[in-house]
């Protein structure tokens, strides 16, 4: 009986070993299929779809908004001293305003003294640390845009663009 048990045990190991090899092949095939799908998807993504040079689909053409014309208006250069604890630090800035059309510029020009005053008062309160990094400049741009739209209401400025910024 012991001999029979050993034979059955050996036979089970042989089947288990064969099944383990089959499992390994199945795992390799599944991994290869996943790799092919990922590589194919990446290729389609980076090459811009099937036939990358083909014309865009109708839905893509409808989704792309037409670029609207804009007009830029340059404000006079401003130099202000920043708020510091001793050493004098100056900010020199040149700004362009982005508006929808020339009529908006005609509405804004009479308010130019009010705009420059609002900018000067705000800029003089800044510290050099407030202007560090892109996040500091983004906050400055948003605050200037808010102040100018308050000053020229009901006219509207769409963007404040920095042409030059120098902290010295």
C-alpha atoms as a PDB file:
ATOM      1  CA  UNK A   1       0.000   0.000   0.000  1.00  0.00           C
ATOM      2  CA  UNK A   2       2.812   2.343   0.702  1.00  0.00           C
ATOM      3  CA  UNK A   3       4.095   1.738  -2.816  1.00  0.00           C
ATOM      4  CA  UNK A   4       0.678   2.575  -4.263  1.00  0.00           C
ATOM      5  CA  UNK A   5       0.484   5.822  -2.243  1.00  0.00           C
ATOM      6  CA  UNK A   6       3.953   6.828  -3.463  1.00  0.00           C
ATOM      7  CA  UNK A   7       2.895   6.161  -7.082  1.00  0.00           C
ATOM      8  CA  UNK A   8      -0.283   8.232  -6.725  1.00  0.00           C
ATOM      9  CA  UNK A   9       1.667  11.024  -5.049  1.00  0.00           C
ATOM     10  CA  UNK A  10       4.287  11.035  -7.812  1.00  0.00           C
ATOM     11  CA  UNK A  11       1.556  11.077 -10.457  1.00  0.00           C
ATOM     12  CA  UNK A  12      -0.109  14.118  -8.761  1.00  0.00           C
ATOM     13  CA  UNK A  13       3.208  15.976  -8.741  1.00  0.00           C
ATOM     14  CA  UNK A  14       3.669  15.267 -12.430  1.00  0.00           C
ATOM     15  CA  UNK A  15       0.251  16.691 -13.246  1.00  0.00           C
ATOM     16  CA  UNK A  16       0.816  19.677 -10.957  1.00  0.00           C
ATOM     17  CA  UNK A  17       4.141  20.405 -12.653  1.00  0.00           C
ATOM     18  CA  UNK A  18       2.531  20.210 -16.091  1.00  0.00           C
ATOM     19  CA  UNK A  19      -0.334  22.423 -14.940  1.00  0.00           C
ATOM     20  CA  UNK A  20       2.147  24.914 -13.465  1.00  0.00           C
ATOM     21  CA  UNK A  21       3.941  25.142 -16.831  1.00  0.00           C
ATOM     22  CA  UNK A  22       0.587  25.707 -18.559  1.00  0.00           C
ATOM     23  CA  UNK A  23      -0.250  28.430 -16.074  1.00  0.00           C
ATOM     24  CA  UNK A  24       3.072  30.128 -16.738  1.00  0.00           C
ATOM     25  CA  UNK A  25       2.399  30.058 -20.482  1.00  0.00           C
ATOM     26  CA  UNK A  26      -1.083  31.493 -19.926  1.00  0.00           C
ATOM     27  CA  UNK A  27       0.323  34.301 -17.752  1.00  0.00           C
ATOM     28  CA  UNK A  28       2.991  35.101 -20.371  1.00  0.00           C
ATOM     29  CA  UNK A  29       0.381  35.201 -23.149  1.00  0.00           C
ATOM     30  CA  UNK A  30      -1.896  37.464 -21.073  1.00  0.00           C
ATOM     31  CA  UNK A  31       1.038  39.779 -20.235  1.00  0.00           C
ATOM     32  CA  UNK A  32       2.009  39.942 -23.916  1.00  0.00           C
ATOM     33  CA  UNK A  33      -1.592  40.781 -24.889  1.00  0.00           C
ATOM     34  CA  UNK A  34      -1.784  43.563 -22.283  1.00  0.00           C
ATOM     35  CA  UNK A  35       1.577  44.924 -23.441  1.00  0.00           C
ATOM     36  CA  UNK A  36       0.373  44.958 -27.065  1.00  0.00           C
ATOM     37  CA  UNK A  37      -2.816  46.790 -26.101  1.00  0.00           C
ATOM     38  CA  UNK A  38      -0.904  49.392 -24.083  1.00  0.00           C
ATOM     39  CA  UNK A  39       1.689  49.896 -26.822  1.00  0.00           C
ATOM     40  CA  UNK A  40      -1.026  50.179 -29.479  1.00  0.00           C
ATOM     41  CA  UNK A  41      -3.000  52.676 -27.425  1.00  0.00           C
ATOM     42  CA  UNK A  42       0.109  54.756 -26.790  1.00  0.00           C
ATOM     43  CA  UNK A  43       0.946  54.712 -30.482  1.00  0.00           C
ATOM     44  CA  UNK A  44      -2.529  55.912 -31.435  1.00  0.00           C
ATOM     45  CA  UNK A  45      -2.411  58.606 -28.738  1.00  0.00           C
ATOM     46  CA  UNK A  46       1.005  59.980 -29.682  1.00  0.00           C
ATOM     47  CA  UNK A  47       0.545  59.724 -33.428  1.00  0.00           C
ATOM     48  CA  UNK A  48      -2.785  61.547 -33.363  1.00  0.00           C
ATOM     49  CA  UNK A  49      -5.121  58.676 -34.131  1.00  0.00           C
ATOM     50  CA  UNK A  50      -5.277  56.274 -37.026  1.00  0.00           C
ATOM     51  CA  UNK A  51      -3.706  57.926 -40.068  1.00  0.00           C
ATOM     52  CA  UNK A  52      -2.175  60.826 -38.090  1.00  0.00           C
ATOM     53  CA  UNK A  53      -2.155  63.075 -41.191  1.00  0.00           C
ATOM     54  CA  UNK A  54      -5.812  62.469 -41.943  1.00  0.00           C
ATOM     55  CA  UNK A  55      -8.306  65.322 -41.705  1.00  0.00           C
ATOM     56  CA  UNK A  56      -9.869  65.822 -38.285  1.00  0.00           C
ATOM     57  CA  UNK A  57     -13.198  64.191 -37.622  1.00  0.00           C
ATOM     58  CA  UNK A  58     -16.338  66.296 -37.895  1.00  0.00           C
ATOM     59  CA  UNK A  59     -16.864  66.274 -34.128  1.00  0.00           C
ATOM     60  CA  UNK A  60     -13.324  67.608 -33.588  1.00  0.00           C
ATOM     61  CA  UNK A  61     -13.918  70.423 -36.063  1.00  0.00           C
ATOM     62  CA  UNK A  62     -17.110  71.430 -34.272  1.00  0.00           C
ATOM     63  CA  UNK A  63     -15.439  71.261 -30.845  1.00  0.00           C
ATOM     64  CA  UNK A  64     -12.566  73.601 -31.805  1.00  0.00           C
ATOM     65  CA  UNK A  65     -13.748  77.157 -31.209  1.00  0.00           C
ATOM     66  CA  UNK A  66     -12.885  79.798 -33.754  1.00  0.00           C
ATOM     67  CA  UNK A  67     -10.184  82.129 -32.492  1.00  0.00           C
ATOM     68  CA  UNK A  68     -11.675  85.532 -31.843  1.00  0.00           C
ATOM     69  CA  UNK A  69      -9.767  88.689 -32.765  1.00  0.00           C
ATOM     70  CA  UNK A  70      -8.292  90.692 -29.900  1.00  0.00           C
ATOM     71  CA  UNK A  71      -6.765  94.128 -29.524  1.00  0.00           C
ATOM     72  CA  UNK A  72      -3.900  95.058 -27.220  1.00  0.00           C
ATOM     73  CA  UNK A  73      -3.490  98.400 -25.486  1.00  0.00           C
ATOM     74  CA  UNK A  74      -0.149  99.352 -23.932  1.00  0.00           C
ATOM     75  CA  UNK A  75      -0.198 101.146 -20.612  1.00  0.00           C
ATOM     76  CA  UNK A  76       2.611 103.568 -19.803  1.00  0.00           C
ATOM     77  CA  UNK A  77       5.651 102.079 -18.075  1.00  0.00           C
ATOM     78  CA  UNK A  78       5.395 102.178 -14.274  1.00  0.00           C
ATOM     79  CA  UNK A  79       8.185 102.217 -11.723  1.00  0.00           C
ATOM     80  CA  UNK A  80       7.299 101.937  -8.023  1.00  0.00           C
ATOM     81  CA  UNK A  81       9.252 101.313  -4.876  1.00  0.00           C
ATOM     82  CA  UNK A  82       8.196  98.144  -3.073  1.00  0.00           C
ATOM     83  CA  UNK A  83       7.423  97.808   0.601  1.00  0.00           C
ATOM     84  CA  UNK A  84      10.656  96.683   2.307  1.00  0.00           C
ATOM     85  CA  UNK A  85      12.278  96.868   5.737  1.00  0.00           C
ATOM     86  CA  UNK A  86      15.222  99.030   4.832  1.00  0.00           C
ATOM     87  CA  UNK A  87      16.926  98.691   1.467  1.00  0.00           C
ATOM     88  CA  UNK A  88      15.043 100.370  -1.380  1.00  0.00           C
ATOM     89  CA  UNK A  89      13.662  97.907  -3.911  1.00  0.00           C
ATOM     90  CA  UNK A  90      11.996  99.008  -7.139  1.00  0.00           C
ATOM     91  CA  UNK A  91       9.567  97.344  -9.510  1.00  0.00           C
ATOM     92  CA  UNK A  92       9.535  98.394 -13.139  1.00  0.00           C
ATOM     93  CA  UNK A  93       6.642  96.997 -15.124  1.00  0.00           C
ATOM     94  CA  UNK A  94       5.270  97.371 -18.649  1.00  0.00           C
ATOM     95  CA  UNK A  95       1.751  96.058 -19.128  1.00  0.00           C
ATOM     96  CA  UNK A  96      -0.492  95.467 -22.136  1.00  0.00           C
ATOM     97  CA  UNK A  97      -4.231  95.053 -21.783  1.00  0.00           C
ATOM     98  CA  UNK A  98      -6.132  92.522 -23.882  1.00  0.00           C
ATOM     99  CA  UNK A  99      -9.585  93.715 -24.990  1.00  0.00           C
ATOM    100  CA  UNK A 100     -12.183  92.562 -27.504  1.00  0.00           C
ATOM    101  CA  UNK A 101     -12.150  95.507 -29.922  1.00  0.00           C
ATOM    102  CA  UNK A 102     -11.095  99.104 -30.496  1.00  0.00           C
ATOM    103  CA  UNK A 103     -14.397 100.387 -29.105  1.00  0.00           C
ATOM    104  CA  UNK A 104     -13.420  98.965 -25.721  1.00  0.00           C
ATOM    105  CA  UNK A 105     -10.151 100.917 -25.860  1.00  0.00           C
ATOM    106  CA  UNK A 106     -12.160 104.083 -26.499  1.00  0.00           C
ATOM    107  CA  UNK A 107     -14.209 103.285 -23.378  1.00  0.00           C
ATOM    108  CA  UNK A 108     -11.090 102.586 -21.268  1.00  0.00           C
ATOM    109  CA  UNK A 109      -8.891 105.582 -22.226  1.00  0.00           C
ATOM    110  CA  UNK A 110     -10.875 108.199 -20.241  1.00  0.00           C
ATOM    111  CA  UNK A 111     -10.306 106.070 -17.125  1.00  0.00           C
ATOM    112  CA  UNK A 112      -6.524 105.803 -17.594  1.00  0.00           C
ATOM    113  CA  UNK A 113      -5.685 108.013 -14.564  1.00  0.00           C
ATOM    114  CA  UNK A 114      -7.958 105.862 -12.386  1.00  0.00           C
ATOM    115  CA  UNK A 115      -6.341 102.673 -13.737  1.00  0.00           C
ATOM    116  CA  UNK A 116      -2.794 103.910 -13.111  1.00  0.00           C
ATOM    117  CA  UNK A 117      -3.724 105.070  -9.605  1.00  0.00           C
ATOM    118  CA  UNK A 118      -5.239 101.682  -8.727  1.00  0.00           C
ATOM    119  CA  UNK A 119      -2.123  99.920 -10.040  1.00  0.00           C
ATOM    120  CA  UNK A 120       0.310 102.257  -8.255  1.00  0.00           C
ATOM    121  CA  UNK A 121      -1.446 101.944  -4.892  1.00  0.00           C
ATOM    122  CA  UNK A 122      -1.531  98.151  -5.126  1.00  0.00           C
ATOM    123  CA  UNK A 123       2.027  97.724  -6.442  1.00  0.00           C
ATOM    124  CA  UNK A 124       3.532  99.913  -3.693  1.00  0.00           C
ATOM    125  CA  UNK A 125       2.131  97.547  -1.039  1.00  0.00           C
ATOM    126  CA  UNK A 126       3.865  94.506  -2.530  1.00  0.00           C
ATOM    127  CA  UNK A 127       7.019  93.004  -1.065  1.00  0.00           C
ATOM    128  CA  UNK A 128       9.731  91.447  -3.255  1.00  0.00           C
ATOM    129  CA  UNK A 129       8.728  88.012  -1.885  1.00  0.00           C
ATOM    130  CA  UNK A 130       5.203  88.537  -3.293  1.00  0.00           C
ATOM    131  CA  UNK A 131       6.649  88.560  -6.815  1.00  0.00           C
ATOM    132  CA  UNK A 132       8.742  85.408  -6.562  1.00  0.00           C
ATOM    133  CA  UNK A 133       7.991  82.519  -8.877  1.00  0.00           C
ATOM    134  CA  UNK A 134       5.290  82.031 -11.441  1.00  0.00           C
ATOM    135  CA  UNK A 135       2.588  81.732  -8.775  1.00  0.00           C
ATOM    136  CA  UNK A 136       3.447  85.212  -7.461  1.00  0.00           C
ATOM    137  CA  UNK A 137       3.215  86.692 -10.955  1.00  0.00           C
ATOM    138  CA  UNK A 138      -0.048  84.846 -11.593  1.00  0.00           C
ATOM    139  CA  UNK A 139      -1.558  86.313  -8.406  1.00  0.00           C
ATOM    140  CA  UNK A 140      -0.304  89.772  -9.420  1.00  0.00           C
ATOM    141  CA  UNK A 141      -1.855  89.418 -12.867  1.00  0.00           C
ATOM    142  CA  UNK A 142      -5.208  88.298 -11.429  1.00  0.00           C
ATOM    143  CA  UNK A 143      -5.268  91.127  -8.874  1.00  0.00           C
ATOM    144  CA  UNK A 144      -4.436  93.758 -11.520  1.00  0.00           C
ATOM    145  CA  UNK A 145      -7.152  92.379 -13.800  1.00  0.00           C
ATOM    146  CA  UNK A 146      -9.684  92.553 -10.967  1.00  0.00           C
ATOM    147  CA  UNK A 147      -8.688  96.137 -10.154  1.00  0.00           C
ATOM    148  CA  UNK A 148      -8.800  97.343 -13.746  1.00  0.00           C
ATOM    149  CA  UNK A 149     -12.214  95.807 -14.395  1.00  0.00           C
ATOM    150  CA  UNK A 150     -13.497  97.530 -11.276  1.00  0.00           C
ATOM    151  CA  UNK A 151     -12.043 100.853 -12.481  1.00  0.00           C
ATOM    152  CA  UNK A 152     -13.454 100.712 -16.032  1.00  0.00           C
ATOM    153  CA  UNK A 153     -16.831  99.086 -15.385  1.00  0.00           C
ATOM    154  CA  UNK A 154     -19.041  98.580 -17.500  1.00  0.00           C
ATOM    155  CA  UNK A 155     -16.219  98.116 -20.020  1.00  0.00           C
ATOM    156  CA  UNK A 156     -14.308  94.862 -19.650  1.00  0.00           C
ATOM    157  CA  UNK A 157     -10.629  93.956 -19.981  1.00  0.00           C
ATOM    158  CA  UNK A 158     -10.032  90.284 -20.832  1.00  0.00           C
ATOM    159  CA  UNK A 159      -6.396  90.019 -19.826  1.00  0.00           C
ATOM    160  CA  UNK A 160      -3.397  91.721 -18.275  1.00  0.00           C
ATOM    161  CA  UNK A 161      -0.163  90.827 -20.058  1.00  0.00           C
ATOM    162  CA  UNK A 162       3.300  91.574 -18.712  1.00  0.00           C
ATOM    163  CA  UNK A 163       5.653  92.919 -21.351  1.00  0.00           C
ATOM    164  CA  UNK A 164       8.449  93.577 -18.865  1.00  0.00           C
ATOM    165  CA  UNK A 165       8.907  92.995 -15.149  1.00  0.00           C
ATOM    166  CA  UNK A 166      12.063  94.077 -13.362  1.00  0.00           C
ATOM    167  CA  UNK A 167      12.595  93.913  -9.596  1.00  0.00           C
ATOM    168  CA  UNK A 168      15.753  95.743  -8.582  1.00  0.00           C
END
